[in-house]
C-alpha atoms as a PDB file:
ATOM      1  CA  MET A   1      15.628 -43.983  34.321  1.00  0.00           C
ATOM      2  CA  ARG A   2      14.575 -47.348  36.321  1.00  0.00           C
ATOM      3  CA  GLU A   3      12.608 -47.012  39.457  1.00  0.00           C
ATOM      4  CA  ALA A   4      13.713 -49.144  42.619  1.00  0.00           C
ATOM      5  CA  TYR A   5       9.948 -49.378  43.709  1.00  0.00           C
ATOM      6  CA  ALA A   6       7.460 -50.853  41.898  1.00  0.00           C
ATOM      7  CA  ALA A   7       3.507 -51.004  43.483  1.00  0.00           C
ATOM      8  CA  PRO A   8       1.757 -54.059  42.591  1.00  0.00           C
ATOM      9  CA  VAL A   9      -0.544 -53.853  39.712  1.00  0.00           C
ATOM     10  CA  ASP A  10      -3.764 -56.141  38.932  1.00  0.00           C
ATOM     11  CA  PRO A  11      -3.512 -56.241  35.298  1.00  0.00           C
ATOM     12  CA  ASP A  12      -7.410 -56.868  34.856  1.00  0.00           C
ATOM     13  CA  LEU A  13      -7.697 -53.408  36.348  1.00  0.00           C
ATOM     14  CA  ILE A  14      -5.756 -51.877  33.622  1.00  0.00           C
ATOM     15  CA  GLY A  15      -8.482 -53.340  30.936  1.00  0.00           C
ATOM     16  CA  GLU A  16     -11.405 -52.676  33.129  1.00  0.00           C
ATOM     17  CA  ARG A  17     -10.529 -49.093  33.540  1.00  0.00           C
ATOM     18  CA  VAL A  18      -9.699 -48.463  29.899  1.00  0.00           C
ATOM     19  CA  ARG A  19     -13.128 -49.861  28.911  1.00  0.00           C
ATOM     20  CA  ARG A  20     -15.039 -47.679  31.114  1.00  0.00           C
ATOM     21  CA  ILE A  21     -13.023 -44.630  29.981  1.00  0.00           C
ATOM     22  CA  ARG A  22     -13.745 -45.673  26.294  1.00  0.00           C
ATOM     23  CA  GLU A  23     -17.542 -46.419  26.950  1.00  0.00           C
ATOM     24  CA  ALA A  24     -17.845 -42.936  28.232  1.00  0.00           C
ATOM     25  CA  GLY A  25     -16.634 -41.645  24.982  1.00  0.00           C
ATOM     26  CA  ALA A  26     -13.337 -40.291  26.391  1.00  0.00           C
ATOM     27  CA  THR A  27      -9.979 -40.660  24.983  1.00  0.00           C
ATOM     28  CA  ALA A  28      -8.113 -43.462  26.980  1.00  0.00           C
ATOM     29  CA  ALA A  29      -4.554 -42.940  27.885  1.00  0.00           C
ATOM     30  CA  VAL A  30      -2.563 -45.442  29.774  1.00  0.00           C
ATOM     31  CA  SER A  31       0.557 -44.034  31.877  1.00  0.00           C
ATOM     32  CA  VAL A  32       3.216 -46.196  32.903  1.00  0.00           C
ATOM     33  CA  SER A  33       6.899 -45.686  34.016  1.00  0.00           C
ATOM     34  CA  PRO A  34       9.856 -46.862  31.930  1.00  0.00           C
ATOM     35  CA  ALA A  35      10.878 -49.459  34.472  1.00  0.00           C
ATOM     36  CA  ARG A  36       7.346 -51.107  33.957  1.00  0.00           C
ATOM     37  CA  THR A  37       6.630 -50.738  30.610  1.00  0.00           C
ATOM     38  CA  GLU A  38       7.752 -54.199  29.054  1.00  0.00           C
ATOM     39  CA  ALA A  39       6.326 -56.024  31.843  1.00  0.00           C
ATOM     40  CA  LEU A  40       2.940 -54.362  31.604  1.00  0.00           C
ATOM     41  CA  LEU A  41       3.088 -54.123  28.007  1.00  0.00           C
ATOM     42  CA  PRO A  42       0.929 -57.225  27.276  1.00  0.00           C
ATOM     43  CA  HIS A  43      -1.765 -56.294  29.368  1.00  0.00           C
ATOM     44  CA  ILE A  44      -1.763 -52.520  28.058  1.00  0.00           C
ATOM     45  CA  THR A  45      -1.863 -53.372  24.463  1.00  0.00           C
ATOM     46  CA  ALA A  46      -4.683 -56.112  24.978  1.00  0.00           C
ATOM     47  CA  ALA A  47      -6.584 -53.152  26.855  1.00  0.00           C
ATOM     48  CA  GLU A  48      -6.446 -51.277  23.659  1.00  0.00           C
ATOM     49  CA  PRO A  49      -6.168 -47.651  24.886  1.00  0.00           C
ATOM     50  CA  HIS A  50      -5.992 -44.661  22.646  1.00  0.00           C
ATOM     51  CA  MET A  51      -2.546 -43.627  23.284  1.00  0.00           C
ATOM     52  CA  LEU A  52       0.269 -44.767  25.723  1.00  0.00           C
ATOM     53  CA  VAL A  53       2.401 -42.543  28.096  1.00  0.00           C
ATOM     54  CA  ILE A  54       5.713 -43.398  29.065  1.00  0.00           C
ATOM     55  CA  ARG A  55       6.703 -40.921  31.818  1.00  0.00           C
ATOM     56  CA  GLY A  56       9.651 -40.753  34.161  1.00  0.00           C
ATOM     57  CA  THR A  57      11.343 -38.189  35.891  1.00  0.00           C
ATOM     58  CA  VAL A  58      13.819 -38.137  33.095  1.00  0.00           C
ATOM     59  CA  THR A  59      13.705 -40.342  30.422  1.00  0.00           C
ATOM     60  CA  SER A  60      16.304 -41.173  27.843  1.00  0.00           C
ATOM     61  CA  ALA A  61      16.242 -42.370  24.195  1.00  0.00           C
ATOM     62  CA  GLU A  62      19.964 -44.082  24.859  1.00  0.00           C
ATOM     63  CA  HIS A  63      21.014 -44.897  28.230  1.00  0.00           C
ATOM     64  CA  VAL A  64      22.964 -47.567  30.060  1.00  0.00           C
ATOM     65  CA  SER A  65      21.678 -49.907  32.865  1.00  0.00           C
ATOM     66  CA  THR A  66      23.675 -51.407  35.837  1.00  0.00           C
ATOM     67  CA  THR A  67      20.734 -53.965  36.686  1.00  0.00           C
ATOM     68  CA  GLU A  68      20.596 -57.301  35.582  1.00  0.00           C
ATOM     69  CA  VAL A  69      17.314 -56.371  33.708  1.00  0.00           C
ATOM     70  CA  ALA A  70      17.908 -55.073  30.211  1.00  0.00           C
ATOM     71  CA  PRO A  71      17.178 -51.028  29.563  1.00  0.00           C
ATOM     72  CA  LEU A  72      14.175 -50.247  27.804  1.00  0.00           C
ATOM     73  CA  ASP A  73      14.792 -49.911  24.189  1.00  0.00           C
ATOM     74  CA  LEU A  74      12.333 -46.884  23.452  1.00  0.00           C
ATOM     75  CA  LYS A  75      12.888 -46.975  19.622  1.00  0.00           C
ATOM     76  CA  TYR A  76      12.053 -50.559  19.143  1.00  0.00           C
ATOM     77  CA  LEU A  77       9.130 -50.352  21.586  1.00  0.00           C
ATOM     78  CA  VAL A  78       7.557 -47.168  19.866  1.00  0.00           C
ATOM     79  CA  ARG A  79       7.700 -48.451  16.415  1.00  0.00           C
ATOM     80  CA  ARG A  80       6.170 -52.131  17.185  1.00  0.00           C
ATOM     81  CA  LEU A  81       3.118 -50.264  18.862  1.00  0.00           C
ATOM     82  CA  ASP A  82      -0.119 -49.725  16.712  1.00  0.00           C
ATOM     83  CA  VAL A  83      -1.221 -46.671  19.081  1.00  0.00           C
ATOM     84  CA  PRO A  84       0.501 -43.176  19.343  1.00  0.00           C
ATOM     85  CA  VAL A  85       3.328 -43.055  22.532  1.00  0.00           C
ATOM     86  CA  ILE A  86       4.060 -40.158  24.238  1.00  0.00           C
ATOM     87  CA  VAL A  87       7.475 -40.237  26.340  1.00  0.00           C
ATOM     88  CA  GLY A  88       9.227 -38.151  28.852  1.00  0.00           C
ATOM     89  CA  GLY A  89      10.364 -36.351  30.575  1.00  0.00           C
ATOM     90  CA  CYS A  90      13.165 -34.218  29.105  1.00  0.00           C
ATOM     91  CA  ALA A  91      14.556 -30.620  29.495  1.00  0.00           C
ATOM     92  CA  SER A  92      16.886 -30.316  26.970  1.00  0.00           C
ATOM     93  CA  TYR A  93      17.376 -30.029  23.245  1.00  0.00           C
ATOM     94  CA  GLN A  94      19.513 -33.398  22.701  1.00  0.00           C
ATOM     95  CA  ALA A  95      17.483 -35.174  25.075  1.00  0.00           C
ATOM     96  CA  ALA A  96      14.196 -34.138  23.310  1.00  0.00           C
ATOM     97  CA  LEU A  97      15.696 -34.718  19.778  1.00  0.00           C
ATOM     98  CA  HIS A  98      16.462 -38.354  20.788  1.00  0.00           C
ATOM     99  CA  LEU A  99      13.224 -39.014  22.153  1.00  0.00           C
ATOM    100  CA  MET A 100      11.490 -37.642  18.829  1.00  0.00           C
ATOM    101  CA  ARG A 101      13.896 -39.915  16.863  1.00  0.00           C
ATOM    102  CA  THR A 102      11.976 -42.921  18.416  1.00  0.00           C
ATOM    103  CA  GLY A 103       9.223 -42.100  16.660  1.00  0.00           C
ATOM    104  CA  ALA A 104       7.147 -40.836  19.583  1.00  0.00           C
ATOM    105  CA  ALA A 105       4.041 -38.744  18.689  1.00  0.00           C
ATOM    106  CA  GLY A 106       4.998 -36.267  21.246  1.00  0.00           C
ATOM    107  CA  VAL A 107       7.492 -35.765  24.259  1.00  0.00           C
ATOM    108  CA  LEU A 108       6.797 -34.356  27.600  1.00  0.00           C
ATOM    109  CA  VAL A 109       8.752 -31.492  28.724  1.00  0.00           C
ATOM    110  CA  GLY A 110       9.798 -30.415  32.048  1.00  0.00           C
ATOM    111  CA  VAL A 111      11.872 -31.616  34.977  1.00  0.00           C
ATOM    112  CA  GLY A 112      10.748 -30.569  38.431  1.00  0.00           C
ATOM    113  CA  PRO A 113       8.439 -27.557  37.546  1.00  0.00           C
ATOM    114  CA  GLY A 114       5.246 -28.958  39.400  1.00  0.00           C
ATOM    115  CA  ILE A 115       4.212 -28.019  43.032  1.00  0.00           C
ATOM    116  CA  THR A 116       4.624 -31.415  44.166  1.00  0.00           C
ATOM    117  CA  SER A 117       8.095 -31.901  42.553  1.00  0.00           C
ATOM    118  CA  ARG A 118      11.394 -31.990  44.749  1.00  0.00           C
ATOM    119  CA  THR A 119      13.717 -33.136  41.893  1.00  0.00           C
ATOM    120  CA  SER A 120      15.794 -30.001  42.042  1.00  0.00           C
ATOM    121  CA  THR A 121      16.295 -30.114  45.868  1.00  0.00           C
ATOM    122  CA  VAL A 122      16.935 -33.884  46.004  1.00  0.00           C
ATOM    123  CA  LEU A 123      18.719 -34.531  42.787  1.00  0.00           C
ATOM    124  CA  GLY A 124      19.954 -31.052  41.698  1.00  0.00           C
ATOM    125  CA  VAL A 125      18.382 -31.779  38.414  1.00  0.00           C
ATOM    126  CA  HIS A 126      16.366 -28.794  37.229  1.00  0.00           C
ATOM    127  CA  ASN A 127      15.756 -26.759  34.220  1.00  0.00           C
ATOM    128  CA  PRO A 128      13.514 -23.545  33.731  1.00  0.00           C
ATOM    129  CA  GLN A 129      10.273 -24.507  32.098  1.00  0.00           C
ATOM    130  CA  ALA A 130      10.376 -21.949  29.661  1.00  0.00           C
ATOM    131  CA  THR A 131      14.106 -22.855  28.550  1.00  0.00           C
ATOM    132  CA  ALA A 132      13.387 -26.577  28.374  1.00  0.00           C
ATOM    133  CA  ILE A 133      10.155 -25.669  26.056  1.00  0.00           C
ATOM    134  CA  ALA A 134      12.311 -23.446  23.917  1.00  0.00           C
ATOM    135  CA  ASP A 135      15.031 -26.193  23.636  1.00  0.00           C
ATOM    136  CA  ALA A 136      12.507 -28.878  22.675  1.00  0.00           C
ATOM    137  CA  ARG A 137      10.927 -26.665  20.025  1.00  0.00           C
ATOM    138  CA  ALA A 138      14.239 -26.122  18.514  1.00  0.00           C
ATOM    139  CA  ALA A 139      14.455 -29.904  18.202  1.00  0.00           C
ATOM    140  CA  ARG A 140      11.158 -30.410  16.971  1.00  0.00           C
ATOM    141  CA  MET A 141      12.246 -27.985  14.160  1.00  0.00           C
ATOM    142  CA  ARG A 142      15.437 -30.233  13.282  1.00  0.00           C
ATOM    143  CA  HIS A 143      13.412 -33.374  13.545  1.00  0.00           C
ATOM    144  CA  LEU A 144      10.872 -32.128  11.218  1.00  0.00           C
ATOM    145  CA  ASP A 145      13.697 -30.926   8.719  1.00  0.00           C
ATOM    146  CA  GLU A 146      15.233 -34.333   8.896  1.00  0.00           C
ATOM    147  CA  THR A 147      12.195 -36.506   8.620  1.00  0.00           C
ATOM    148  CA  GLY A 148       8.992 -34.249   7.597  1.00  0.00           C
ATOM    149  CA  VAL A 149       7.348 -35.761  10.464  1.00  0.00           C
ATOM    150  CA  TYR A 150       5.896 -33.354  13.250  1.00  0.00           C
ATOM    151  CA  CYS A 151       6.226 -34.180  16.879  1.00  0.00           C
ATOM    152  CA  HIS A 152       4.210 -32.459  19.352  1.00  0.00           C
ATOM    153  CA  VAL A 153       5.701 -30.700  22.370  1.00  0.00           C
ATOM    154  CA  ILE A 154       3.906 -30.934  25.483  1.00  0.00           C
ATOM    155  CA  ALA A 155       4.539 -28.931  28.855  1.00  0.00           C
ATOM    156  CA  ASP A 156       4.515 -31.038  31.464  1.00  0.00           C
ATOM    157  CA  SER A 157       3.237 -29.608  34.724  1.00  0.00           C
ATOM    158  CA  GLY A 158       4.151 -25.864  36.122  1.00  0.00           C
ATOM    159  CA  MET A 159       0.942 -24.748  34.625  1.00  0.00           C
ATOM    160  CA  ARG A 160      -1.066 -22.683  37.380  1.00  0.00           C
ATOM    161  CA  THR A 161      -2.911 -19.914  35.502  1.00  0.00           C
ATOM    162  CA  GLY A 162      -4.404 -19.266  31.874  1.00  0.00           C
ATOM    163  CA  GLY A 163      -1.232 -17.122  31.492  1.00  0.00           C
ATOM    164  CA  ASP A 164       0.995 -19.887  32.153  1.00  0.00           C
ATOM    165  CA  ILE A 165      -0.558 -21.793  29.250  1.00  0.00           C
ATOM    166  CA  ALA A 166      -0.234 -18.960  26.997  1.00  0.00           C
ATOM    167  CA  LYS A 167       3.292 -18.405  27.819  1.00  0.00           C
ATOM    168  CA  ALA A 168       4.068 -22.116  27.122  1.00  0.00           C
ATOM    169  CA  VAL A 169       2.493 -21.877  23.903  1.00  0.00           C
ATOM    170  CA  VAL A 170       4.586 -18.881  22.797  1.00  0.00           C
ATOM    171  CA  CYS A 171       7.614 -20.847  24.085  1.00  0.00           C
ATOM    172  CA  GLY A 172       6.820 -23.499  21.655  1.00  0.00           C
ATOM    173  CA  ALA A 173       4.359 -25.864  23.367  1.00  0.00           C
ATOM    174  CA  ASP A 174       1.735 -27.687  21.485  1.00  0.00           C
ATOM    175  CA  ALA A 175      -0.239 -28.766  24.409  1.00  0.00           C
ATOM    176  CA  VAL A 176       0.140 -28.540  28.271  1.00  0.00           C
ATOM    177  CA  MET A 177      -0.259 -31.049  30.953  1.00  0.00           C
ATOM    178  CA  LEU A 178      -2.292 -29.703  33.939  1.00  0.00           C
ATOM    179  CA  ASP A 179      -2.063 -31.006  37.612  1.00  0.00           C
ATOM    180  CA  SER A 180      -2.970 -28.304  40.223  1.00  0.00           C
ATOM    181  CA  PRO A 181      -5.600 -26.438  38.242  1.00  0.00           C
ATOM    182  CA  LEU A 182      -7.603 -29.895  37.757  1.00  0.00           C
ATOM    183  CA  ALA A 183      -7.012 -30.829  41.270  1.00  0.00           C
ATOM    184  CA  ALA A 184      -8.944 -27.726  42.275  1.00  0.00           C
ATOM    185  CA  ALA A 185     -12.074 -28.514  40.686  1.00  0.00           C
ATOM    186  CA  THR A 186     -14.751 -29.278  43.053  1.00  0.00           C
ATOM    187  CA  GLU A 187     -15.519 -32.881  41.002  1.00  0.00           C
ATOM    188  CA  ALA A 188     -11.666 -33.865  41.406  1.00  0.00           C
ATOM    189  CA  PRO A 189     -12.141 -37.347  43.702  1.00  0.00           C
ATOM    190  CA  ALA A 190      -8.872 -36.522  45.408  1.00  0.00           C
ATOM    191  CA  ARG A 191     -10.497 -33.404  46.944  1.00  0.00           C
ATOM    192  CA  GLY A 192      -7.453 -31.184  46.106  1.00  0.00           C
ATOM    193  CA  ALA A 193      -4.752 -33.436  46.734  1.00  0.00           C
ATOM    194  CA  VAL A 194      -2.036 -33.863  44.086  1.00  0.00           C
ATOM    195  CA  TRP A 195       0.998 -35.812  43.845  1.00  0.00           C
ATOM    196  CA  SER A 196       3.509 -37.508  41.579  1.00  0.00           C
ATOM    197  CA  SER A 197       4.523 -41.075  41.147  1.00  0.00           C
ATOM    198  CA  SER A 198       8.081 -40.306  42.483  1.00  0.00           C
ATOM    199  CA  ALA A 199       6.575 -39.085  45.885  1.00  0.00           C
ATOM    200  CA  PHE A 200       6.262 -42.566  47.293  1.00  0.00           C
ATOM    201  CA  HIS A 201       9.489 -44.073  45.857  1.00  0.00           C
ATOM    202  CA  SER A 202      10.727 -46.467  48.774  1.00  0.00           C
ATOM    203  CA  GLU A 203      14.404 -45.398  48.388  1.00  0.00           C
ATOM    204  CA  LEU A 204      14.532 -41.957  47.196  1.00  0.00           C
ATOM    205  CA  PRO A 205      11.349 -39.860  47.273  1.00  0.00           C
ATOM    206  CA  ARG A 206      11.409 -36.576  44.877  1.00  0.00           C
ATOM    207  CA  GLY A 207       8.032 -35.535  45.372  1.00  0.00           C
ATOM    208  CA  VAL A 208       5.453 -34.712  48.177  1.00  0.00           C
ATOM    209  CA  LEU A 209       1.935 -34.882  48.561  1.00  0.00           C
ATOM    210  CA  ALA A 210       0.260 -31.350  48.198  1.00  0.00           C
ATOM    211  CA  LYS A 211      -3.176 -29.977  48.744  1.00  0.00           C
ATOM    212  CA  VAL A 212      -4.848 -27.115  46.712  1.00  0.00           C
ATOM    213  CA  ASP A 213      -8.067 -25.281  47.448  1.00  0.00           C
ATOM    214  CA  ARG A 214     -11.115 -26.457  45.826  1.00  0.00           C
ATOM    215  CA  ILE A 215     -12.355 -23.348  44.026  1.00  0.00           C
ATOM    216  CA  ALA A 216     -15.015 -24.048  41.166  1.00  0.00           C
ATOM    217  CA  PRO A 217     -16.390 -26.864  38.924  1.00  0.00           C
ATOM    218  CA  LEU A 218     -14.430 -28.250  36.291  1.00  0.00           C
ATOM    219  CA  GLU A 219     -16.243 -26.500  33.382  1.00  0.00           C
ATOM    220  CA  VAL A 220     -15.575 -22.985  35.386  1.00  0.00           C
ATOM    221  CA  VAL A 221     -11.902 -23.702  35.863  1.00  0.00           C
ATOM    222  CA  LEU A 222     -11.538 -24.587  32.106  1.00  0.00           C
ATOM    223  CA  ASN A 223     -14.178 -22.406  30.323  1.00  0.00           C
ATOM    224  CA  GLY A 224     -15.405 -19.746  33.110  1.00  0.00           C
ATOM    225  CA  PRO A 225     -16.605 -17.363  33.983  1.00  0.00           C
ATOM    226  CA  ALA A 226     -14.066 -16.293  36.230  1.00  0.00           C
ATOM    227  CA  ASP A 227     -14.975 -14.387  39.412  1.00  0.00           C
ATOM    228  CA  SER A 228     -11.620 -13.455  40.629  1.00  0.00           C
ATOM    229  CA  ALA A 229      -8.567 -12.129  38.809  1.00  0.00           C
ATOM    230  CA  ASP A 230      -5.998 -14.816  39.867  1.00  0.00           C
ATOM    231  CA  GLY A 231      -5.934 -16.598  36.893  1.00  0.00           C
ATOM    232  CA  ARG A 232      -7.109 -19.938  38.101  1.00  0.00           C
ATOM    233  CA  THR A 233     -10.457 -20.089  36.278  1.00  0.00           C
ATOM    234  CA  ASN A 234     -11.778 -19.756  32.933  1.00  0.00           C
ATOM    235  CA  LEU A 235      -8.057 -21.020  31.722  1.00  0.00           C
ATOM    236  CA  MET A 236      -9.401 -21.409  28.200  1.00  0.00           C
ATOM    237  CA  GLY A 237     -10.826 -18.109  27.761  1.00  0.00           C
ATOM    238  CA  ALA A 238      -7.563 -16.570  29.223  1.00  0.00           C
ATOM    239  CA  LEU A 239      -5.732 -18.570  26.551  1.00  0.00           C
ATOM    240  CA  ARG A 240      -7.900 -17.084  23.731  1.00  0.00           C
ATOM    241  CA  LYS A 241      -7.826 -13.559  25.333  1.00  0.00           C
ATOM    242  CA  ALA A 242      -3.998 -13.737  25.151  1.00  0.00           C
ATOM    243  CA  MET A 243      -4.020 -14.548  21.815  1.00  0.00           C
ATOM    244  CA  ALA A 244      -6.571 -11.745  20.774  1.00  0.00           C
ATOM    245  CA  VAL A 245      -4.633  -9.077  22.728  1.00  0.00           C
ATOM    246  CA  SER A 246      -1.352 -10.325  20.954  1.00  0.00           C
ATOM    247  CA  GLY A 247      -2.957 -10.504  17.558  1.00  0.00           C
ATOM    248  CA  TYR A 248      -3.144 -14.088  16.932  1.00  0.00           C
ATOM    249  CA  ASP A 249      -6.056 -16.097  16.005  1.00  0.00           C
ATOM    250  CA  SER A 250      -4.686 -19.707  16.079  1.00  0.00           C
ATOM    251  CA  MET A 251      -2.179 -21.551  18.732  1.00  0.00           C
ATOM    252  CA  LYS A 252       0.218 -22.231  15.980  1.00  0.00           C
ATOM    253  CA  ASP A 253       0.375 -18.379  15.274  1.00  0.00           C
ATOM    254  CA  LEU A 254       0.604 -17.808  18.833  1.00  0.00           C
ATOM    255  CA  GLN A 255       3.895 -19.865  18.924  1.00  0.00           C
ATOM    256  CA  LYS A 256       5.485 -16.959  16.522  1.00  0.00           C
ATOM    257  CA  ALA A 257       5.129 -14.351  19.192  1.00  0.00           C
ATOM    258  CA  GLU A 258       7.821 -12.746  20.579  1.00  0.00           C
ATOM    259  CA  LEU A 259       8.683 -13.143  24.195  1.00  0.00           C
ATOM    260  CA  ILE A 260      10.369 -10.886  26.411  1.00  0.00           C
ATOM    261  CA  VAL A 261      12.095 -11.924  29.809  1.00  0.00           C
ATOM    262  CA  THR A 262      11.764  -9.727  32.742  1.00  0.00           C
ATOM    263  CA  GLY A 263      12.613  -9.490  36.359  1.00  0.00           C
ATOM    264  CA  SER A 264      10.744 -11.689  38.748  1.00  0.00           C
ATOM    265  CA  GLY A 265       9.293  -8.532  40.494  1.00  0.00           C
ATOM    266  CA  ALA A 266       7.464  -7.486  37.136  1.00  0.00           C
ATOM    267  CA  ARG A 267       5.184 -10.467  37.053  1.00  0.00           C
ATOM    268  CA  ARG A 268       2.578  -8.772  39.482  1.00  0.00           C
END
């Protein structure tokens, strides 16, 4: 859970960036690794973001540390903040349940599904995204029964098309994280580049810098119209059409749809 590499951060930049995002009328979310959360927390809370995202390759609510620095106590941290906290990643029923019990508003689900991740190769740790989401969905149901509190399940990466988003929702996701689809927008400042924070770890990189073709403006990527049948544009239109074809009129209803597992050759 703890990173050996920590790039220098100017605390003033956190506040300035959050201020600009809020002034633009957007939701300001600050993302930080578990290893740096406590050190940066005073600057994050002073910036007053709308939410905090604590994101590592695999984040656990109960863990041990071999360093002299005390490991992050997620349960204590989440419950002393006034903003919603999203934590992850996780890829199993038990891990998701433990994170939900910290009081997190949502959990990020997925270990190694993105185009930049090499976690499965470097660490040998991987779980198919559909299985991970389904396990987290079961954990959410148990947590809801225990506490009456609904914790959102967020499919973290691995989404490339509108069909991927629809299947993630059927598996139990309330929302999805998008990386390469947004990087493919012509306005994306990185010009098609996609990378993860673990790509630049100084001792054990577990990701790479990837490039995707820029295909259309962001509005077209999200809301169309699409001019090809590759599923990479009009993602929300594809999701709505999937709901209509399956006979569901809301995201919550779509989570009740049946999912059939087929051989990989049946995809195309």
